[in-house]
Amino acid sequence: MSAEAGAARAERDRRARAWALLVLSGILEAVWATALGASEGFSRPGPGLLFAVTLVLSMLTLARAARVVPMGTAYAVWTGIGAVLTVAWAAGTGQEQISWAKALFLAGIVACVVGLHAADRPIPGKDR
């Protein structure tokens, strides 16, 4: 393998790890958002503690991913994943109803997240 091919592979691996962290961060966002609601204004310590721990972990993984993925893209993906999963959890537990229109718009958010990932390319000459 040439040095150039090795460098390209290393960059692909670095970006793949960053995107994996970004997805994890979005999942953690959905957990803390759900825990926040379940804490009932922090009157329930279990959900309140889960909120605090997952909030910190979500921020740390988002910050780590944003070292590679541009912050605007990272933030859009993070909020998109968190929003879709939070609604999905609420619907699955009977706390929220899903209409066809809501499902369509949530699918649109998922499509945008997938599109942002597909369009993500390193910025030439900029090493993050």
Protein backbone atom coordinates (compact mmCIF):
# COMPACT_ATOMS: atom_id res chain seq x y z
CA MET A 1 0.00 0.00 0.00
CA SER A 2 1.39 3.41 -0.96
CA ALA A 3 1.83 6.18 1.58
CA GLU A 4 -0.92 8.16 -0.15
CA ALA A 5 -3.35 5.22 0.01
CA GLY A 6 -2.44 4.66 3.66
CA ALA A 7 -3.09 8.32 4.48
CA ALA A 8 -6.44 8.22 2.67
CA ARG A 9 -7.44 5.10 4.58
CA ALA A 10 -6.40 6.67 7.89
CA GLU A 11 -8.52 9.74 7.10
CA ARG A 12 -11.54 7.57 6.22
CA ASP A 13 -11.12 5.67 9.50
CA ARG A 14 -10.81 8.92 11.47
CA ARG A 15 -14.00 10.29 9.89
CA ALA A 16 -15.84 7.00 10.46
CA ARG A 17 -14.92 7.10 14.16
CA ALA A 18 -16.06 10.72 14.41
CA TRP A 19 -19.41 9.87 12.80
CA ALA A 20 -19.86 6.89 15.14
CA LEU A 21 -19.27 9.23 18.10
CA LEU A 22 -21.74 11.68 16.60
CA VAL A 23 -24.44 9.00 16.33
CA LEU A 24 -23.73 7.93 19.93
CA SER A 25 -23.99 11.55 21.01
CA GLY A 26 -27.39 11.88 19.31
CA ILE A 27 -28.61 8.73 21.04
CA LEU A 28 -27.44 10.12 24.38
CA GLU A 29 -29.29 13.35 23.60
CA ALA A 30 -32.53 11.39 23.25
CA VAL A 31 -31.84 9.64 26.56
CA TRP A 32 -31.24 12.88 28.44
CA ALA A 33 -34.25 14.57 26.87
CA THR A 34 -36.46 11.65 27.86
CA ALA A 35 -34.95 11.54 31.36
CA LEU A 36 -35.53 15.28 31.73
CA GLY A 37 -39.23 14.78 31.10
CA ALA A 38 -39.36 11.77 33.42
CA SER A 39 -37.65 13.73 36.21
CA GLU A 40 -40.79 15.85 36.62
CA GLY A 41 -38.88 19.05 37.24
CA PHE A 42 -36.03 17.18 38.96
CA SER A 43 -38.40 15.99 41.69
CA ARG A 44 -37.47 12.36 40.89
CA PRO A 45 -33.78 11.71 41.61
CA GLY A 46 -33.32 8.62 39.38
CA PRO A 47 -34.32 10.27 36.11
CA GLY A 48 -32.60 13.48 37.26
CA LEU A 49 -29.31 11.64 37.72
CA LEU A 50 -29.72 9.84 34.38
CA PHE A 51 -30.34 13.25 32.76
CA ALA A 52 -27.17 14.75 34.26
CA VAL A 53 -24.91 11.83 33.35
CA THR A 54 -26.17 11.44 29.78
CA LEU A 55 -26.14 15.21 29.21
CA VAL A 56 -22.44 15.36 30.07
CA LEU A 57 -21.64 12.26 28.00
CA SER A 58 -23.63 13.64 25.06
CA MET A 59 -21.74 16.94 25.16
CA LEU A 60 -18.36 15.22 25.44
CA THR A 61 -19.02 12.92 22.48
CA LEU A 62 -20.44 15.81 20.42
CA ALA A 63 -17.35 17.90 21.16
CA ARG A 64 -15.06 15.01 20.24
CA ALA A 65 -16.90 14.37 16.96
CA ALA A 66 -16.79 18.09 16.12
CA ARG A 67 -13.00 17.90 16.07
CA VAL A 68 -13.43 16.12 12.71
CA VAL A 69 -16.98 16.83 11.50
CA PRO A 70 -17.66 20.58 11.01
CA MET A 71 -19.62 21.97 13.97
CA GLY A 72 -22.63 23.08 11.91
CA THR A 73 -23.02 19.63 10.40
CA ALA A 74 -22.34 17.91 13.72
CA TYR A 75 -24.96 20.01 15.50
CA ALA A 76 -27.58 19.42 12.80
CA VAL A 77 -26.99 15.65 12.92
CA TRP A 78 -26.95 15.61 16.75
CA THR A 79 -30.26 17.44 17.05
CA GLY A 80 -31.82 15.42 14.24
CA ILE A 81 -30.95 12.06 15.78
CA GLY A 82 -31.97 13.23 19.23
CA ALA A 83 -35.29 14.63 18.04
CA VAL A 84 -36.29 11.56 16.03
CA LEU A 85 -35.35 9.11 18.78
CA THR A 86 -37.06 11.18 21.48
CA VAL A 87 -40.32 11.22 19.51
CA ALA A 88 -39.95 7.51 18.67
CA TRP A 89 -39.49 6.63 22.34
CA ALA A 90 -42.46 8.77 23.37
CA ALA A 91 -44.60 7.12 20.70
CA GLY A 92 -43.42 3.64 21.63
CA THR A 93 -44.28 4.19 25.28
CA GLY A 94 -47.68 5.70 24.52
CA GLN A 95 -46.76 9.23 25.61
CA GLU A 96 -47.19 10.67 22.13
CA GLN A 97 -49.25 9.80 19.09
CA ILE A 98 -47.74 9.62 15.63
CA SER A 99 -49.79 10.80 12.67
CA TRP A 100 -48.84 10.00 9.09
CA ALA A 101 -47.74 13.61 8.65
CA LYS A 102 -45.52 13.50 11.73
CA ALA A 103 -44.00 10.19 10.59
CA LEU A 104 -43.32 11.69 7.16
CA PHE A 105 -41.57 14.73 8.63
CA LEU A 106 -39.53 12.57 11.02
CA ALA A 107 -38.50 10.43 8.04
CA GLY A 108 -37.43 13.68 6.37
CA ILE A 109 -35.16 14.45 9.32
CA VAL A 110 -33.64 10.97 9.05
CA ALA A 111 -33.10 11.50 5.31
CA CYS A 112 -31.37 14.81 6.02
CA VAL A 113 -29.05 13.17 8.57
CA VAL A 114 -28.17 10.44 6.07
CA GLY A 115 -27.63 13.09 3.39
CA LEU A 116 -25.34 15.14 5.61
CA HIS A 117 -23.26 12.04 6.26
CA ALA A 118 -23.10 11.20 2.56
CA ALA A 119 -22.07 14.77 1.70
CA ASP A 120 -19.40 15.02 4.41
CA ARG A 121 -15.95 15.49 2.93
CA PRO A 122 -12.71 16.72 4.46
CA ILE A 123 -11.82 20.32 3.78
CA PRO A 124 -8.68 20.34 1.58
CA GLY A 125 -5.68 21.80 3.37
CA LYS A 126 -7.41 21.94 6.73
CA ASP A 127 -6.27 19.45 9.33
CA ARG A 128 -8.62 19.43 12.31
